[in-house]
Amino acid sequence: MQETLFHIIGHSDWQRAQERGSYTPAGFDAEGFIHLSLRGQILRPANLLYAGRDDLLLLVIDPRRVAADVVFEPGSHGETEHFPHLYGELNLDAVTSTVDFPCGEDGSFVLPADLP
């Protein structure tokens, strides 16, 4: 897979990941994977799960650098579309950049203009 992957994360969670040297979200133990998105999929989970949050970043991830397995599976909220799921920790050297991802005044999200 060559297409860039993305992950929505809070600023404080990203700070903790950098201090730790790798990243797993709070729900990882229960789900067993990290939710990722392709560029065209970012807004669906953003608006469904994070509406109103202004403390978010998008991690820009090079799939060729990801150490754990990425598997495309149906979304967790009834989607028929397949989303990338990372079955393991996210190694931070796979993150090529971060992009601020605040919501708009109405609480919804649009893709940032500077998203690679």
Protein backbone atom coordinates (compact mmCIF):
# COMPACT_ATOMS: atom_id res chain seq x y z
CA MET A 1 0.00 0.00 0.00
CA GLN A 2 1.35 3.39 -0.98
CA GLU A 3 -1.50 5.77 -0.10
CA THR A 4 -0.91 8.10 2.85
CA LEU A 5 -2.74 7.22 6.06
CA PHE A 6 -4.12 9.59 8.68
CA HIS A 7 -5.03 9.38 12.35
CA ILE A 8 -6.99 11.90 14.42
CA ILE A 9 -5.38 12.57 17.78
CA GLY A 10 -5.58 15.12 20.58
CA HIS A 11 -2.58 17.39 21.13
CA SER A 12 -2.01 15.99 24.64
CA ASP A 13 -2.17 12.38 23.40
CA TRP A 14 0.41 13.19 20.72
CA GLN A 15 2.65 14.81 23.34
CA ARG A 16 2.45 11.65 25.50
CA ALA A 17 3.21 9.45 22.48
CA GLN A 18 6.33 11.47 21.74
CA GLU A 19 7.47 11.14 25.34
CA ARG A 20 6.81 7.39 25.27
CA GLY A 21 8.29 6.77 21.81
CA SER A 22 5.24 5.02 20.33
CA TYR A 23 1.47 5.43 20.27
CA THR A 24 -1.56 3.39 21.21
CA PRO A 25 -4.90 5.10 21.91
CA ALA A 26 -6.92 4.63 25.08
CA GLY A 27 -9.28 2.11 23.43
CA PHE A 28 -6.53 -0.04 21.99
CA ASP A 29 -6.74 -2.81 24.60
CA ALA A 30 -10.48 -3.24 23.99
CA GLU A 31 -10.38 -3.01 20.18
CA GLY A 32 -6.94 -4.39 19.41
CA PHE A 33 -6.19 -1.89 16.66
CA ILE A 34 -5.75 1.80 15.89
CA HIS A 35 -8.32 3.48 13.64
CA LEU A 36 -6.78 5.10 10.58
CA SER A 37 -8.23 6.79 7.51
CA LEU A 38 -7.36 7.45 3.93
CA ARG A 39 -7.55 11.12 2.91
CA GLY A 40 -11.10 10.79 1.58
CA GLN A 41 -12.29 9.11 4.80
CA ILE A 42 -11.07 11.62 7.40
CA LEU A 43 -14.22 13.72 7.71
CA ARG A 44 -16.59 10.84 8.48
CA PRO A 45 -15.01 9.82 11.81
CA ALA A 46 -14.06 13.43 12.58
CA ASN A 47 -17.62 14.68 12.38
CA LEU A 48 -19.13 11.54 13.91
CA LEU A 49 -16.81 11.20 16.90
CA TYR A 50 -15.00 14.49 17.47
CA ALA A 51 -17.51 17.26 16.65
CA GLY A 52 -16.80 20.39 18.63
CA ARG A 53 -13.22 19.52 19.57
CA ASP A 54 -10.63 22.14 18.83
CA ASP A 55 -7.61 20.32 20.30
CA LEU A 56 -6.96 17.88 17.47
CA LEU A 57 -4.17 17.05 15.06
CA LEU A 58 -4.01 14.82 12.04
CA LEU A 59 -1.04 12.49 12.00
CA VAL A 60 0.22 12.03 8.45
CA ILE A 61 1.53 8.47 8.21
CA ASP A 62 3.72 6.83 5.57
CA PRO A 63 2.33 3.29 5.28
CA ARG A 64 5.70 1.97 4.06
CA ARG A 65 7.24 2.90 7.42
CA VAL A 66 4.53 1.35 9.63
CA ALA A 67 5.94 -1.61 11.55
CA ALA A 68 2.63 -3.32 12.45
CA ASP A 69 0.05 -4.78 10.05
CA VAL A 70 -2.51 -2.50 8.41
CA VAL A 71 -5.74 -4.30 7.50
CA PHE A 72 -8.68 -2.78 5.61
CA GLU A 73 -11.94 -3.70 7.33
CA PRO A 74 -15.50 -2.37 7.59
CA GLY A 75 -15.82 0.72 9.77
CA SER A 76 -16.89 0.42 13.40
CA HIS A 77 -20.04 2.53 13.02
CA GLY A 78 -22.02 0.62 10.41
CA GLU A 79 -20.09 1.78 7.35
CA THR A 80 -19.84 -0.55 4.38
CA GLU A 81 -16.67 1.26 3.38
CA HIS A 82 -13.41 -0.36 4.48
CA PHE A 83 -11.07 1.65 6.71
CA PRO A 84 -7.42 0.93 7.51
CA HIS A 85 -6.86 -0.52 10.97
CA LEU A 86 -3.37 -0.75 12.47
CA TYR A 87 -2.91 -3.94 14.49
CA GLY A 88 -0.15 -2.82 16.83
CA GLU A 89 1.49 0.29 18.17
CA LEU A 90 2.16 3.15 15.82
CA ASN A 91 5.91 3.60 15.53
CA LEU A 92 6.53 7.33 15.50
CA ASP A 93 9.05 7.25 12.67
CA ALA A 94 6.11 6.40 10.38
CA VAL A 95 4.57 9.83 11.15
CA THR A 96 5.90 12.20 8.50
CA SER A 97 4.09 15.32 9.76
CA THR A 98 1.21 16.63 11.84
CA VAL A 99 -1.47 19.09 10.78
CA ASP A 100 -3.66 21.11 13.14
CA PHE A 101 -7.28 19.94 12.84
CA PRO A 102 -9.60 22.24 14.81
CA CYS A 103 -13.34 22.21 14.24
CA GLY A 104 -15.13 25.16 12.68
CA GLU A 105 -17.43 27.55 14.52
CA ASP A 106 -20.35 25.15 14.08
CA GLY A 107 -18.34 22.25 15.57
CA SER A 108 -17.87 20.40 12.29
CA PHE A 109 -14.67 19.68 10.38
CA VAL A 110 -13.34 20.40 6.93
CA LEU A 111 -10.04 19.14 5.56
CA PRO A 112 -7.21 21.54 6.34
CA ALA A 113 -5.88 23.44 3.34
CA ASP A 114 -2.31 22.41 4.19
CA LEU A 115 -3.05 18.67 4.38
CA PRO A 116 -0.47 16.79 2.25
